[in-house]
Each structure stands twice: as structure tokens, then as C-alpha cells.
Amino acid sequence: MAKESTGFLPVNAVVVTVSDTRTEQTDTSGKYLADSLQQAGHTVLARHIVKDDTYKLRALVATLIADDQVQAVLLTGGTGFTHRDNTVRAVTPLLDMHIDGFGEIFRYLSHAEIGSSTIQSRAFAGMSNGTIVFCMPGSTGACRTAWQGIIAQQLDSRHKPCHFVDKLKSV
């Protein structure tokens, strides 16, 4: 049974943008996620932009999962169907548990916006070492869909009937 929470518990999060072309100035998706986390009352410990390289991305995410202060990692980009989309390949081996419902609900919500093109999204999530990892497409619209439709509620300790905050490592 989940621990009963009486109030809001802020989460320590890191935002990672996976892109060969984005810069700090052009990273609207990472900015959206960081701003949304902060507006919700969470702490953004860092923002990273990493090239779509399997091993560099895997190394970064492994370091974040091992960090005692990081409770959530939100990745944007690299979940499509091109040969340079490596987020799934990089992150999946690091996960202790997969959260299948995240990708399912994300594609369901996206269908209303982009129709059947949503089948090309490989958005996914999982847990590892008490850290939740959300991986979503690189477009700001997709990040907005994921945040508003799923992540905001699941990172809110007041959300009923359940949320993921009580499953995260204590900091």
C-alpha cells in the first residue's frame, strides 16, 4: 500500500534534451519542461543538452539515476523512428521496471492531436534506483501533452488514487 501523503512534496528533477541540433537558446522543449516543473513547485537541479549518441546519453542517465539527489529525469527527444533516435536504446537497459502505461496513455492523448502519426512515437517511462525516468518526443507540443496529461499528476503527491512520488528515493 502506498504511503499516505497529506500535502505537496516537491521532487528533485533533471531535464535532458536529446538533440544533435538544439542549443540552450533553441531548446524550447527542455525549457517548457523545466518551467512546468518549477511552476508546479518542484526543483530543477539541472538541464542538459546531449547529442543523440547512445553511449553518451546512457552514461549521463546512469549518472543521474545513481545520484542520491535526483528523483526524476525528464528526457525530450530521440524517441522517433530515425537512425539517430537513440533514447530508447540508451535508456531501456538502465531501467529496473518499465511503466508501460506511460507510452500507452501518451500515444492515446497524442492521437487526438496528430492522428495515426502517433504510432511512430516510442515514448516510454520506467523506474530505476528510486528515480522515475520519463522519455518523450522532442517537440514542445509532445512535451506539453505528456506534462499536462500524465507527468504533472504523477509527480503530485496529492494526486488520487495514486502517484509515483511515494515510490521515489528519499532526499
N, C-alpha and C. Protein backbone atom coordinates (compact mmCIF):
# COMPACT_ATOMS: atom_id res chain seq x y z
N MET A 1 0.84 -1.18 0.00
CA MET A 1 0.00 0.00 0.00
C MET A 1 0.88 1.24 0.00
N ALA A 2 0.45 2.26 -0.68
CA ALA A 2 1.22 3.50 -0.80
C ALA A 2 1.23 4.25 0.53
N LYS A 3 2.33 4.96 0.77
CA LYS A 3 2.40 5.82 1.94
C LYS A 3 1.38 6.95 1.75
N GLU A 4 0.70 7.31 2.80
CA GLU A 4 -0.29 8.37 2.72
C GLU A 4 0.39 9.72 2.85
N SER A 5 0.16 10.58 1.88
CA SER A 5 0.75 11.91 1.89
C SER A 5 -0.35 12.93 2.16
N THR A 6 -0.06 13.88 3.02
CA THR A 6 -1.08 14.87 3.35
C THR A 6 -0.91 16.16 2.58
N GLY A 7 0.26 16.41 2.03
CA GLY A 7 0.48 17.65 1.32
C GLY A 7 1.40 17.47 0.14
N PHE A 8 1.70 18.56 -0.49
CA PHE A 8 2.57 18.53 -1.67
C PHE A 8 4.01 18.26 -1.25
N LEU A 9 4.65 17.34 -1.96
CA LEU A 9 6.06 17.04 -1.73
C LEU A 9 6.83 17.35 -3.01
N PRO A 10 7.70 18.35 -2.98
CA PRO A 10 8.46 18.68 -4.19
C PRO A 10 9.42 17.57 -4.57
N VAL A 11 9.63 17.41 -5.86
CA VAL A 11 10.51 16.40 -6.42
C VAL A 11 11.74 17.08 -7.00
N ASN A 12 12.91 16.49 -6.80
CA ASN A 12 14.15 16.97 -7.43
C ASN A 12 14.27 16.34 -8.81
N ALA A 13 14.30 17.19 -9.84
CA ALA A 13 14.28 16.69 -11.21
C ALA A 13 15.42 17.26 -12.04
N VAL A 14 15.75 16.52 -13.09
CA VAL A 14 16.72 16.95 -14.10
C VAL A 14 16.04 16.81 -15.45
N VAL A 15 16.22 17.80 -16.31
CA VAL A 15 15.67 17.78 -17.67
C VAL A 15 16.82 17.55 -18.64
N VAL A 16 16.65 16.58 -19.53
CA VAL A 16 17.67 16.26 -20.53
C VAL A 16 17.04 16.37 -21.91
N THR A 17 17.63 17.21 -22.75
CA THR A 17 17.21 17.32 -24.14
C THR A 17 18.19 16.52 -24.99
N VAL A 18 17.65 15.61 -25.78
CA VAL A 18 18.47 14.76 -26.65
C VAL A 18 18.33 15.29 -28.06
N SER A 19 19.41 15.88 -28.59
CA SER A 19 19.33 16.51 -29.90
C SER A 19 20.72 16.75 -30.46
N ASP A 20 20.83 16.59 -31.76
CA ASP A 20 22.06 16.93 -32.46
C ASP A 20 22.09 18.39 -32.88
N THR A 21 20.96 19.09 -32.77
CA THR A 21 20.87 20.46 -33.28
C THR A 21 20.46 21.51 -32.26
N ARG A 22 19.80 21.14 -31.18
CA ARG A 22 19.31 22.13 -30.23
C ARG A 22 20.45 22.74 -29.43
N THR A 23 20.25 24.00 -29.09
CA THR A 23 21.17 24.72 -28.22
C THR A 23 20.36 25.24 -27.03
N GLU A 24 21.03 25.83 -26.07
CA GLU A 24 20.31 26.40 -24.94
C GLU A 24 19.29 27.44 -25.40
N GLN A 25 19.63 28.19 -26.45
CA GLN A 25 18.74 29.23 -26.96
C GLN A 25 17.56 28.65 -27.75
N THR A 26 17.73 27.51 -28.40
CA THR A 26 16.66 26.96 -29.24
C THR A 26 15.94 25.77 -28.61
N ASP A 27 16.29 25.43 -27.40
CA ASP A 27 15.69 24.27 -26.73
C ASP A 27 14.37 24.64 -26.06
N THR A 28 13.32 24.79 -26.86
CA THR A 28 12.02 25.18 -26.31
C THR A 28 11.37 24.05 -25.52
N SER A 29 11.63 22.82 -25.90
CA SER A 29 11.02 21.68 -25.19
C SER A 29 11.61 21.51 -23.79
N GLY A 30 12.93 21.55 -23.69
CA GLY A 30 13.56 21.46 -22.38
C GLY A 30 13.16 22.62 -21.48
N LYS A 31 13.07 23.81 -22.07
CA LYS A 31 12.64 24.98 -21.31
C LYS A 31 11.20 24.80 -20.82
N TYR A 32 10.34 24.30 -21.69
CA TYR A 32 8.95 24.08 -21.29
C TYR A 32 8.89 23.12 -20.09
N LEU A 33 9.61 22.01 -20.17
CA LEU A 33 9.58 21.03 -19.08
C LEU A 33 10.15 21.61 -17.79
N ALA A 34 11.27 22.32 -17.88
CA ALA A 34 11.88 22.92 -16.68
C ALA A 34 10.94 23.96 -16.07
N ASP A 35 10.36 24.81 -16.91
CA ASP A 35 9.42 25.82 -16.41
C ASP A 35 8.20 25.17 -15.76
N SER A 36 7.68 24.12 -16.39
CA SER A 36 6.50 23.43 -15.86
C SER A 36 6.79 22.79 -14.51
N LEU A 37 7.94 22.15 -14.40
CA LEU A 37 8.34 21.56 -13.12
C LEU A 37 8.42 22.63 -12.03
N GLN A 38 9.07 23.75 -12.33
CA GLN A 38 9.23 24.82 -11.34
C GLN A 38 7.88 25.44 -10.98
N GLN A 39 7.03 25.67 -11.96
CA GLN A 39 5.71 26.24 -11.68
C GLN A 39 4.87 25.32 -10.81
N ALA A 40 5.10 24.02 -10.93
CA ALA A 40 4.37 23.05 -10.11
C ALA A 40 4.94 22.95 -8.69
N GLY A 41 6.09 23.58 -8.44
CA GLY A 41 6.69 23.56 -7.12
C GLY A 41 7.85 22.60 -6.95
N HIS A 42 8.28 21.97 -8.04
CA HIS A 42 9.40 21.04 -7.99
C HIS A 42 10.72 21.80 -8.16
N THR A 43 11.82 21.13 -7.88
CA THR A 43 13.15 21.70 -8.01
C THR A 43 13.83 21.13 -9.24
N VAL A 44 14.28 22.00 -10.13
CA VAL A 44 15.05 21.56 -11.30
C VAL A 44 16.52 21.70 -10.92
N LEU A 45 17.16 20.56 -10.71
CA LEU A 45 18.56 20.55 -10.30
C LEU A 45 19.49 20.93 -11.45
N ALA A 46 19.11 20.56 -12.68
CA ALA A 46 19.97 20.84 -13.84
C ALA A 46 19.18 20.61 -15.12
N ARG A 47 19.71 21.23 -16.18
CA ARG A 47 19.24 20.96 -17.55
C ARG A 47 20.46 20.60 -18.37
N HIS A 48 20.32 19.56 -19.19
CA HIS A 48 21.40 19.12 -20.06
C HIS A 48 20.90 19.04 -21.49
N ILE A 49 21.78 19.33 -22.43
CA ILE A 49 21.54 19.04 -23.84
C ILE A 49 22.64 18.08 -24.25
N VAL A 50 22.23 16.90 -24.72
CA VAL A 50 23.20 15.87 -25.09
C VAL A 50 22.92 15.42 -26.52
N LYS A 51 23.98 15.18 -27.25
CA LYS A 51 23.86 14.68 -28.62
C LYS A 51 23.15 13.32 -28.60
N ASP A 52 22.50 13.01 -29.71
CA ASP A 52 21.77 11.75 -29.83
C ASP A 52 22.74 10.60 -30.07
N ASP A 53 23.56 10.34 -29.07
CA ASP A 53 24.58 9.30 -29.11
C ASP A 53 24.25 8.30 -27.99
N THR A 54 24.08 7.06 -28.35
CA THR A 54 23.64 6.04 -27.40
C THR A 54 24.49 6.02 -26.13
N TYR A 55 25.79 6.00 -26.26
CA TYR A 55 26.66 5.78 -25.10
C TYR A 55 26.83 7.03 -24.25
N LYS A 56 26.88 8.21 -24.87
CA LYS A 56 26.94 9.45 -24.08
C LYS A 56 25.65 9.65 -23.30
N LEU A 57 24.53 9.37 -23.96
CA LEU A 57 23.24 9.52 -23.29
C LEU A 57 23.10 8.49 -22.16
N ARG A 58 23.46 7.25 -22.42
CA ARG A 58 23.37 6.21 -21.39
C ARG A 58 24.24 6.56 -20.19
N ALA A 59 25.44 7.08 -20.44
CA ALA A 59 26.34 7.45 -19.34
C ALA A 59 25.73 8.57 -18.50
N LEU A 60 25.15 9.57 -19.15
CA LEU A 60 24.54 10.68 -18.42
C LEU A 60 23.37 10.18 -17.58
N VAL A 61 22.47 9.43 -18.19
CA VAL A 61 21.29 8.96 -17.46
C VAL A 61 21.69 8.02 -16.32
N ALA A 62 22.68 7.17 -16.53
CA ALA A 62 23.16 6.29 -15.46
C ALA A 62 23.69 7.10 -14.28
N THR A 63 24.41 8.16 -14.58
CA THR A 63 24.94 9.04 -13.53
C THR A 63 23.80 9.71 -12.77
N LEU A 64 22.77 10.15 -13.49
CA LEU A 64 21.64 10.81 -12.84
C LEU A 64 20.86 9.83 -11.96
N ILE A 65 20.65 8.61 -12.45
CA ILE A 65 19.94 7.59 -11.67
C ILE A 65 20.72 7.26 -10.39
N ALA A 66 22.03 7.24 -10.47
CA ALA A 66 22.87 6.92 -9.31
C ALA A 66 22.98 8.07 -8.31
N ASP A 67 22.67 9.28 -8.74
CA ASP A 67 22.77 10.46 -7.89
C ASP A 67 21.70 10.41 -6.80
N ASP A 68 22.13 10.50 -5.54
CA ASP A 68 21.20 10.42 -4.42
C ASP A 68 20.20 11.56 -4.37
N GLN A 69 20.46 12.66 -5.06
CA GLN A 69 19.58 13.82 -5.03
C GLN A 69 18.55 13.84 -6.15
N VAL A 70 18.74 13.04 -7.19
CA VAL A 70 17.86 13.08 -8.37
C VAL A 70 16.74 12.06 -8.21
N GLN A 71 15.50 12.56 -8.19
CA GLN A 71 14.33 11.70 -8.06
C GLN A 71 13.60 11.48 -9.38
N ALA A 72 13.77 12.40 -10.32
CA ALA A 72 13.07 12.30 -11.61
C ALA A 72 13.97 12.83 -12.71
N VAL A 73 13.94 12.14 -13.85
CA VAL A 73 14.66 12.57 -15.04
C VAL A 73 13.64 12.65 -16.16
N LEU A 74 13.52 13.81 -16.77
CA LEU A 74 12.62 14.01 -17.90
C LEU A 74 13.46 14.22 -19.14
N LEU A 75 13.35 13.29 -20.10
CA LEU A 75 14.11 13.38 -21.35
C LEU A 75 13.17 13.74 -22.48
N THR A 76 13.61 14.65 -23.33
CA THR A 76 12.85 15.02 -24.51
C THR A 76 13.73 14.83 -25.73
N GLY A 77 13.21 14.09 -26.69
CA GLY A 77 13.93 13.86 -27.94
C GLY A 77 14.49 12.46 -28.05
N GLY A 78 14.74 12.05 -29.28
CA GLY A 78 15.36 10.76 -29.54
C GLY A 78 14.45 9.57 -29.45
N THR A 79 13.12 9.79 -29.46
CA THR A 79 12.17 8.67 -29.33
C THR A 79 11.47 8.33 -30.63
N GLY A 80 11.90 8.92 -31.72
CA GLY A 80 11.24 8.67 -33.01
C GLY A 80 11.77 7.44 -33.72
N PHE A 81 11.64 7.45 -35.04
CA PHE A 81 11.97 6.27 -35.84
C PHE A 81 13.11 6.49 -36.82
N THR A 82 13.97 7.48 -36.59
CA THR A 82 15.11 7.65 -37.48
C THR A 82 16.32 6.92 -36.90
N HIS A 83 17.33 6.76 -37.71
CA HIS A 83 18.54 6.06 -37.24
C HIS A 83 19.26 6.85 -36.15
N ARG A 84 18.98 8.14 -35.99
CA ARG A 84 19.61 8.95 -34.96
C ARG A 84 18.78 9.04 -33.68
N ASP A 85 17.65 8.38 -33.64
CA ASP A 85 16.82 8.39 -32.43
C ASP A 85 17.25 7.24 -31.52
N ASN A 86 18.09 7.56 -30.54
CA ASN A 86 18.74 6.54 -29.72
C ASN A 86 18.30 6.50 -28.27
N THR A 87 17.31 7.30 -27.89
CA THR A 87 16.93 7.35 -26.48
C THR A 87 16.45 6.00 -25.96
N VAL A 88 15.62 5.32 -26.73
CA VAL A 88 15.12 4.01 -26.29
C VAL A 88 16.28 3.05 -26.08
N ARG A 89 17.16 2.97 -27.05
CA ARG A 89 18.32 2.07 -26.99
C ARG A 89 19.24 2.43 -25.81
N ALA A 90 19.40 3.71 -25.54
CA ALA A 90 20.31 4.15 -24.49
C ALA A 90 19.75 3.94 -23.09
N VAL A 91 18.47 4.22 -22.91
CA VAL A 91 17.90 4.27 -21.56
C VAL A 91 17.29 2.94 -21.10
N THR A 92 16.67 2.20 -22.00
CA THR A 92 15.97 0.98 -21.61
C THR A 92 16.81 0.03 -20.76
N PRO A 93 18.08 -0.23 -21.10
CA PRO A 93 18.86 -1.17 -20.27
C PRO A 93 19.09 -0.69 -18.84
N LEU A 94 18.89 0.59 -18.58
CA LEU A 94 19.13 1.14 -17.25
C LEU A 94 17.93 0.99 -16.32
N LEU A 95 16.78 0.65 -16.85
CA LEU A 95 15.55 0.64 -16.06
C LEU A 95 15.36 -0.67 -15.31
N ASP A 96 14.97 -0.56 -14.04
CA ASP A 96 14.63 -1.73 -13.23
C ASP A 96 13.20 -2.19 -13.52
N MET A 97 12.32 -1.22 -13.76
CA MET A 97 10.91 -1.51 -14.05
C MET A 97 10.43 -0.57 -15.15
N HIS A 98 9.65 -1.11 -16.07
CA HIS A 98 9.06 -0.29 -17.12
C HIS A 98 7.66 0.13 -16.69
N ILE A 99 7.29 1.35 -17.06
CA ILE A 99 5.94 1.85 -16.80
C ILE A 99 5.23 1.87 -18.14
N ASP A 100 4.68 0.72 -18.52
CA ASP A 100 4.09 0.58 -19.85
C ASP A 100 2.96 1.58 -20.09
N GLY A 101 2.20 1.88 -19.06
CA GLY A 101 1.07 2.78 -19.21
C GLY A 101 1.43 4.17 -19.69
N PHE A 102 2.65 4.62 -19.39
CA PHE A 102 3.03 5.97 -19.83
C PHE A 102 2.99 6.08 -21.35
N GLY A 103 3.67 5.18 -22.04
CA GLY A 103 3.68 5.22 -23.50
C GLY A 103 2.30 5.01 -24.09
N GLU A 104 1.53 4.11 -23.48
CA GLU A 104 0.18 3.84 -23.96
C GLU A 104 -0.70 5.08 -23.85
N ILE A 105 -0.71 5.70 -22.68
CA ILE A 105 -1.54 6.89 -22.48
C ILE A 105 -1.03 8.05 -23.32
N PHE A 106 0.29 8.20 -23.42
CA PHE A 106 0.84 9.28 -24.24
C PHE A 106 0.36 9.16 -25.68
N ARG A 107 0.45 7.96 -26.26
CA ARG A 107 0.02 7.78 -27.64
C ARG A 107 -1.49 7.98 -27.78
N TYR A 108 -2.25 7.58 -26.79
CA TYR A 108 -3.70 7.80 -26.80
C TYR A 108 -4.00 9.30 -26.83
N LEU A 109 -3.37 10.06 -25.94
CA LEU A 109 -3.58 11.51 -25.91
C LEU A 109 -3.10 12.17 -27.20
N SER A 110 -1.97 11.72 -27.72
CA SER A 110 -1.40 12.30 -28.94
C SER A 110 -2.28 12.04 -30.15
N HIS A 111 -2.99 10.93 -30.16
CA HIS A 111 -3.84 10.59 -31.30
C HIS A 111 -4.85 11.70 -31.57
N ALA A 112 -5.37 12.31 -30.52
CA ALA A 112 -6.34 13.40 -30.69
C ALA A 112 -5.70 14.62 -31.36
N GLU A 113 -4.39 14.75 -31.24
CA GLU A 113 -3.69 15.91 -31.79
C GLU A 113 -3.07 15.65 -33.16
N ILE A 114 -2.48 14.45 -33.34
CA ILE A 114 -1.74 14.19 -34.58
C ILE A 114 -2.20 12.95 -35.33
N GLY A 115 -3.30 12.36 -34.88
CA GLY A 115 -3.85 11.21 -35.57
C GLY A 115 -2.94 9.99 -35.50
N SER A 116 -3.00 9.19 -36.56
CA SER A 116 -2.28 7.92 -36.55
C SER A 116 -0.76 8.09 -36.57
N SER A 117 -0.26 9.28 -36.81
CA SER A 117 1.19 9.50 -36.75
C SER A 117 1.76 9.19 -35.37
N THR A 118 0.89 9.14 -34.38
CA THR A 118 1.35 8.84 -33.02
C THR A 118 1.99 7.46 -32.90
N ILE A 119 1.71 6.55 -33.85
CA ILE A 119 2.32 5.22 -33.74
C ILE A 119 3.83 5.25 -33.93
N GLN A 120 4.35 6.35 -34.47
CA GLN A 120 5.80 6.46 -34.64
C GLN A 120 6.51 6.98 -33.39
N SER A 121 5.75 7.26 -32.34
CA SER A 121 6.36 7.68 -31.08
C SER A 121 6.71 6.46 -30.25
N ARG A 122 7.93 6.45 -29.75
CA ARG A 122 8.36 5.39 -28.84
C ARG A 122 8.52 5.94 -27.42
N ALA A 123 7.66 6.88 -27.05
CA ALA A 123 7.68 7.44 -25.69
C ALA A 123 7.55 6.31 -24.68
N PHE A 124 8.30 6.41 -23.58
CA PHE A 124 8.27 5.37 -22.56
C PHE A 124 8.73 5.95 -21.23
N ALA A 125 8.54 5.17 -20.18
CA ALA A 125 8.97 5.58 -18.84
C ALA A 125 9.33 4.34 -18.04
N GLY A 126 10.05 4.58 -16.95
CA GLY A 126 10.42 3.49 -16.07
C GLY A 126 11.00 4.00 -14.77
N MET A 127 11.31 3.06 -13.89
CA MET A 127 11.90 3.37 -12.60
C MET A 127 13.23 2.65 -12.47
N SER A 128 14.17 3.31 -11.82
CA SER A 128 15.46 2.69 -11.54
C SER A 128 16.07 3.37 -10.32
N ASN A 129 16.45 2.58 -9.34
CA ASN A 129 17.11 3.10 -8.15
C ASN A 129 16.31 4.22 -7.48
N GLY A 130 15.00 4.10 -7.47
CA GLY A 130 14.16 5.13 -6.85
C GLY A 130 14.04 6.40 -7.66
N THR A 131 14.43 6.36 -8.92
CA THR A 131 14.33 7.52 -9.82
C THR A 131 13.36 7.17 -10.93
N ILE A 132 12.40 8.06 -11.18
CA ILE A 132 11.49 7.85 -12.30
C ILE A 132 12.08 8.54 -13.53
N VAL A 133 11.99 7.88 -14.66
CA VAL A 133 12.55 8.38 -15.91
C VAL A 133 11.43 8.43 -16.94
N PHE A 134 11.14 9.64 -17.44
CA PHE A 134 10.14 9.83 -18.49
C PHE A 134 10.87 10.20 -19.78
N CYS A 135 10.57 9.49 -20.87
CA CYS A 135 11.18 9.77 -22.18
C CYS A 135 10.08 10.10 -23.16
N MET A 136 10.14 11.30 -23.75
CA MET A 136 9.09 11.75 -24.64
C MET A 136 9.69 12.38 -25.89
N PRO A 137 8.88 12.57 -26.92
CA PRO A 137 9.39 13.17 -28.16
C PRO A 137 9.96 14.58 -27.93
N GLY A 138 10.67 15.06 -28.93
CA GLY A 138 11.36 16.33 -28.82
C GLY A 138 10.54 17.57 -29.10
N SER A 139 9.35 17.42 -29.63
CA SER A 139 8.55 18.62 -29.93
C SER A 139 7.96 19.19 -28.65
N THR A 140 7.83 20.50 -28.61
CA THR A 140 7.26 21.16 -27.44
C THR A 140 5.81 20.72 -27.24
N GLY A 141 5.09 20.53 -28.34
CA GLY A 141 3.70 20.06 -28.24
C GLY A 141 3.61 18.70 -27.57
N ALA A 142 4.51 17.80 -27.93
CA ALA A 142 4.52 16.47 -27.32
C ALA A 142 4.87 16.56 -25.83
N CYS A 143 5.81 17.42 -25.49
CA CYS A 143 6.17 17.61 -24.08
C CYS A 143 4.99 18.18 -23.30
N ARG A 144 4.27 19.10 -23.91
CA ARG A 144 3.08 19.67 -23.27
C ARG A 144 2.03 18.58 -23.04
N THR A 145 1.81 17.74 -24.05
CA THR A 145 0.85 16.65 -23.91
C THR A 145 1.25 15.72 -22.77
N ALA A 146 2.52 15.34 -22.72
CA ALA A 146 3.00 14.43 -21.68
C ALA A 146 2.89 15.09 -20.30
N TRP A 147 3.31 16.35 -20.20
CA TRP A 147 3.28 17.03 -18.91
C TRP A 147 1.85 17.20 -18.42
N GLN A 148 1.00 17.81 -19.25
CA GLN A 148 -0.36 18.13 -18.82
C GLN A 148 -1.23 16.89 -18.65
N GLY A 149 -1.01 15.88 -19.48
CA GLY A 149 -1.87 14.71 -19.46
C GLY A 149 -1.44 13.60 -18.52
N ILE A 150 -0.15 13.59 -18.13
CA ILE A 150 0.34 12.46 -17.33
C ILE A 150 1.30 12.89 -16.22
N ILE A 151 2.41 13.51 -16.60
CA ILE A 151 3.52 13.71 -15.67
C ILE A 151 3.15 14.63 -14.51
N ALA A 152 2.46 15.73 -14.77
CA ALA A 152 2.12 16.67 -13.70
C ALA A 152 1.36 15.98 -12.58
N GLN A 153 0.41 15.11 -12.93
CA GLN A 153 -0.37 14.41 -11.91
C GLN A 153 0.48 13.35 -11.20
N GLN A 154 1.30 12.64 -11.95
CA GLN A 154 2.06 11.54 -11.34
C GLN A 154 3.23 12.02 -10.48
N LEU A 155 3.62 13.28 -10.64
CA LEU A 155 4.64 13.87 -9.76
C LEU A 155 4.01 14.75 -8.68
N ASP A 156 2.70 14.65 -8.50
CA ASP A 156 2.00 15.42 -7.47
C ASP A 156 1.57 14.45 -6.37
N SER A 157 2.15 14.62 -5.20
CA SER A 157 1.89 13.71 -4.08
C SER A 157 0.45 13.78 -3.58
N ARG A 158 -0.31 14.75 -4.04
CA ARG A 158 -1.72 14.86 -3.62
C ARG A 158 -2.66 14.16 -4.60
N HIS A 159 -2.13 13.68 -5.72
CA HIS A 159 -2.97 13.08 -6.76
C HIS A 159 -3.53 11.74 -6.29
N LYS A 160 -4.81 11.56 -6.48
CA LYS A 160 -5.51 10.33 -6.08
C LYS A 160 -6.03 9.63 -7.33
N PRO A 161 -6.11 8.32 -7.38
CA PRO A 161 -5.85 7.42 -6.26
C PRO A 161 -4.38 7.08 -6.07
N CYS A 162 -3.52 7.40 -7.03
CA CYS A 162 -2.11 7.06 -6.83
C CYS A 162 -1.21 8.00 -7.64
N HIS A 163 0.05 8.00 -7.28
CA HIS A 163 1.08 8.81 -7.92
C HIS A 163 2.40 8.09 -7.71
N PHE A 164 3.47 8.63 -8.30
CA PHE A 164 4.78 7.98 -8.16
C PHE A 164 5.67 8.60 -7.08
N VAL A 165 5.27 9.70 -6.49
CA VAL A 165 6.14 10.39 -5.54
C VAL A 165 6.51 9.49 -4.36
N ASP A 166 5.56 8.68 -3.91
CA ASP A 166 5.84 7.81 -2.76
C ASP A 166 6.73 6.63 -3.12
N LYS A 167 7.07 6.49 -4.38
CA LYS A 167 7.96 5.41 -4.81
C LYS A 167 9.37 5.91 -5.11
N LEU A 168 9.58 7.20 -5.00
CA LEU A 168 10.88 7.79 -5.31
C LEU A 168 11.80 7.73 -4.10
N LYS A 169 13.10 7.77 -4.37
CA LYS A 169 14.08 7.77 -3.28
C LYS A 169 13.89 9.00 -2.41
N SER A 170 14.17 8.85 -1.14
CA SER A 170 14.10 9.98 -0.21
C SER A 170 15.36 10.81 -0.35
N VAL A 171 15.18 12.12 -0.28
CA VAL A 171 16.35 13.02 -0.34
C VAL A 171 16.39 13.89 0.89
